[in-house]
Amino acid sequence: DPTLVPVLVAHLQEHCDRMGVCDRNGRIRLGVALEEALLNGMYHGNLQVSSDLKEDGGDAFQRLAARRRGEEPYSSRLLHIGVRVDDAGASFVIRDEGPGFDVASLPDPTDPENLLRPSGRGLLLIRTFMDDVAHNPAGNEVTMVKKRKA
């Protein structure tokens, strides 16, 4: 349910804020990265909905996602989330139950040809706003680290 993502993100932002992981601006960036990773895992991983459906500007992406939320095997897939906050900072592991993808095959979001596309910037935002980002070999798990600012 994508409506639960902002609630989870707000909770994680609050926890990281209380633990001194980031300042006000860092909290916003953390929220953007978490939301992008969670929605990527949900839509592209578990529901296997391609960003290409956003290209025509219609609602095909949202319609397919809504339909698949009620169809097997998509509807029984879970998003697994691990969080660790300590003196060094915070780490987040998000794993979907989809088939994964080859991270290297994604188009370069900074290429001028891709700048105006309606999709494809989520991973760029994640990499920009987090200190470390790594994917597992299958491409269905991302580990993101936000280091505590000194």
Protein backbone atom coordinates (compact mmCIF):
# COMPACT_ATOMS: atom_id res chain seq x y z
CA ASP A 1 0.00 0.00 0.00
CA PRO A 2 1.83 3.13 -1.18
CA THR A 3 -0.14 5.30 1.24
CA LEU A 4 1.82 3.72 4.11
CA VAL A 5 5.19 4.83 2.73
CA PRO A 6 5.01 8.48 3.93
CA VAL A 7 4.01 7.29 7.42
CA LEU A 8 7.00 4.95 7.64
CA VAL A 9 9.35 7.57 6.21
CA ALA A 10 8.17 10.18 8.75
CA HIS A 11 8.73 7.69 11.59
CA LEU A 12 12.26 6.90 10.40
CA GLN A 13 13.06 10.60 9.92
CA GLU A 14 11.86 11.36 13.45
CA HIS A 15 13.93 8.51 14.90
CA CYS A 16 17.07 9.63 13.06
CA ASP A 17 16.43 13.21 14.13
CA ARG A 18 16.13 12.19 17.80
CA MET A 19 19.32 10.15 17.51
CA GLY A 20 21.22 13.11 16.02
CA VAL A 21 21.96 11.44 12.68
CA CYS A 22 21.08 14.50 10.62
CA ASP A 23 20.04 18.13 10.82
CA ARG A 24 16.80 19.61 9.45
CA ASN A 25 18.01 19.68 5.82
CA GLY A 26 19.53 16.23 6.17
CA ARG A 27 16.21 14.97 7.49
CA ILE A 28 14.48 16.12 4.31
CA ARG A 29 17.11 14.49 2.08
CA LEU A 30 16.91 11.30 4.13
CA GLY A 31 13.14 11.25 3.63
CA VAL A 32 13.46 11.67 -0.14
CA ALA A 33 15.98 8.82 -0.40
CA LEU A 34 13.91 6.49 1.79
CA GLU A 35 10.70 7.23 -0.09
CA GLU A 36 12.38 6.63 -3.46
CA ALA A 37 13.88 3.31 -2.30
CA LEU A 38 10.63 2.08 -0.75
CA LEU A 39 8.53 3.02 -3.78
CA ASN A 40 11.11 1.51 -6.15
CA GLY A 41 10.96 -1.76 -4.22
CA MET A 42 7.19 -1.71 -4.21
CA TYR A 43 6.44 -0.66 -7.78
CA HIS A 44 9.43 -1.88 -9.78
CA GLY A 45 10.39 -4.82 -7.58
CA ASN A 46 7.31 -6.48 -6.12
CA LEU A 47 4.75 -5.28 -8.67
CA GLN A 48 7.16 -5.34 -11.63
CA VAL A 49 5.73 -2.16 -13.15
CA SER A 50 8.08 -0.53 -15.65
CA SER A 51 8.88 3.18 -15.55
CA ASP A 52 8.43 3.15 -19.33
CA LEU A 53 4.67 3.33 -18.70
CA LYS A 54 5.14 6.89 -17.40
CA GLU A 55 6.57 8.06 -20.72
CA ASP A 56 3.23 8.79 -22.40
CA GLY A 57 2.04 11.00 -19.54
CA GLY A 58 -1.07 8.90 -18.96
CA ASP A 59 -2.07 6.85 -15.96
CA ALA A 60 -1.04 3.43 -17.33
CA PHE A 61 1.64 3.07 -14.63
CA GLN A 62 -0.81 3.63 -11.76
CA ARG A 63 -3.53 1.48 -13.35
CA LEU A 64 -1.20 -1.49 -13.78
CA ALA A 65 0.17 -1.08 -10.25
CA ALA A 66 -3.36 -1.00 -8.82
CA ARG A 67 -4.36 -4.10 -10.77
CA ARG A 68 -1.26 -6.04 -9.74
CA ARG A 69 -1.77 -5.22 -6.06
CA GLY A 70 -4.73 -7.61 -6.31
CA GLU A 71 -3.12 -10.31 -8.49
CA GLU A 72 -0.78 -13.18 -7.70
CA PRO A 73 2.15 -13.46 -7.48
CA TYR A 74 2.45 -9.71 -6.94
CA SER A 75 -0.10 -9.30 -4.16
CA SER A 76 1.62 -11.69 -1.76
CA ARG A 77 5.09 -10.18 -2.14
CA LEU A 78 6.49 -8.28 0.82
CA LEU A 79 8.89 -5.41 1.21
CA HIS A 80 11.50 -6.20 3.88
CA ILE A 81 13.00 -3.28 5.75
CA GLY A 82 15.90 -3.36 8.17
CA VAL A 83 17.00 -0.28 10.09
CA ARG A 84 19.97 0.27 12.37
CA VAL A 85 20.71 3.55 14.09
CA ASP A 86 23.79 3.90 16.27
CA ASP A 87 26.58 6.34 17.12
CA ALA A 88 28.01 6.12 13.60
CA GLY A 89 24.74 6.94 11.82
CA ALA A 90 21.91 4.98 10.26
CA SER A 91 21.71 2.13 7.80
CA PHE A 92 18.64 1.01 5.91
CA VAL A 93 18.25 -2.25 4.02
CA ILE A 94 15.23 -2.53 1.72
CA ARG A 95 14.59 -5.81 -0.09
CA ASP A 96 11.70 -6.68 -2.36
CA GLU A 97 10.59 -10.15 -3.45
CA GLY A 98 10.66 -9.38 -7.16
CA PRO A 99 13.14 -10.77 -9.71
CA GLY A 100 15.62 -7.91 -9.28
CA PHE A 101 17.40 -5.94 -12.00
CA ASP A 102 20.84 -5.12 -13.31
CA VAL A 103 21.73 -1.78 -11.73
CA ALA A 104 24.39 -1.15 -14.39
CA SER A 105 21.76 -1.34 -17.15
CA LEU A 106 19.92 1.79 -16.01
CA PRO A 107 20.28 4.84 -18.26
CA ASP A 108 22.44 7.66 -16.92
CA PRO A 109 19.98 10.12 -15.32
CA THR A 110 22.44 13.00 -15.77
CA ASP A 111 22.62 12.51 -19.54
CA PRO A 112 20.88 15.53 -21.15
CA GLU A 113 18.66 13.14 -23.15
CA ASN A 114 17.28 11.74 -19.89
CA LEU A 115 16.87 14.95 -17.87
CA LEU A 116 13.34 15.69 -19.04
CA ARG A 117 12.04 12.12 -18.80
CA PRO A 118 9.21 11.66 -16.27
CA SER A 119 11.13 8.88 -14.49
CA GLY A 120 14.61 7.56 -13.84
CA ARG A 121 15.91 9.95 -11.21
CA GLY A 122 15.09 7.95 -8.07
CA LEU A 123 18.41 6.15 -7.84
CA LEU A 124 20.25 9.40 -8.56
CA LEU A 125 18.46 11.05 -5.63
CA ILE A 126 19.22 8.09 -3.38
CA ARG A 127 22.91 8.17 -4.30
CA THR A 128 23.04 11.95 -3.90
CA PHE A 129 21.36 12.09 -0.49
CA MET A 130 22.89 9.03 1.17
CA ASP A 131 26.56 8.57 2.03
CA ASP A 132 26.85 4.97 0.84
CA VAL A 133 24.55 2.98 -1.43
CA ALA A 134 25.00 -0.66 -2.50
CA HIS A 135 22.81 -3.23 -4.23
CA ASN A 136 22.97 -6.99 -3.81
CA PRO A 137 23.97 -9.02 -6.90
CA ALA A 138 20.34 -9.95 -7.64
CA GLY A 139 19.34 -6.27 -7.71
CA ASN A 140 16.38 -6.69 -5.35
CA GLU A 141 18.03 -5.23 -2.23
CA VAL A 142 19.53 -1.83 -1.57
CA THR A 143 21.59 -0.87 1.46
CA MET A 144 21.77 2.84 2.21
CA VAL A 145 23.95 4.47 4.85
CA LYS A 146 23.63 7.94 6.32
CA LYS A 147 26.68 8.82 8.42
CA ARG A 148 26.28 10.99 11.48
CA LYS A 149 27.52 14.50 10.81
CA ALA A 150 30.28 15.57 13.19
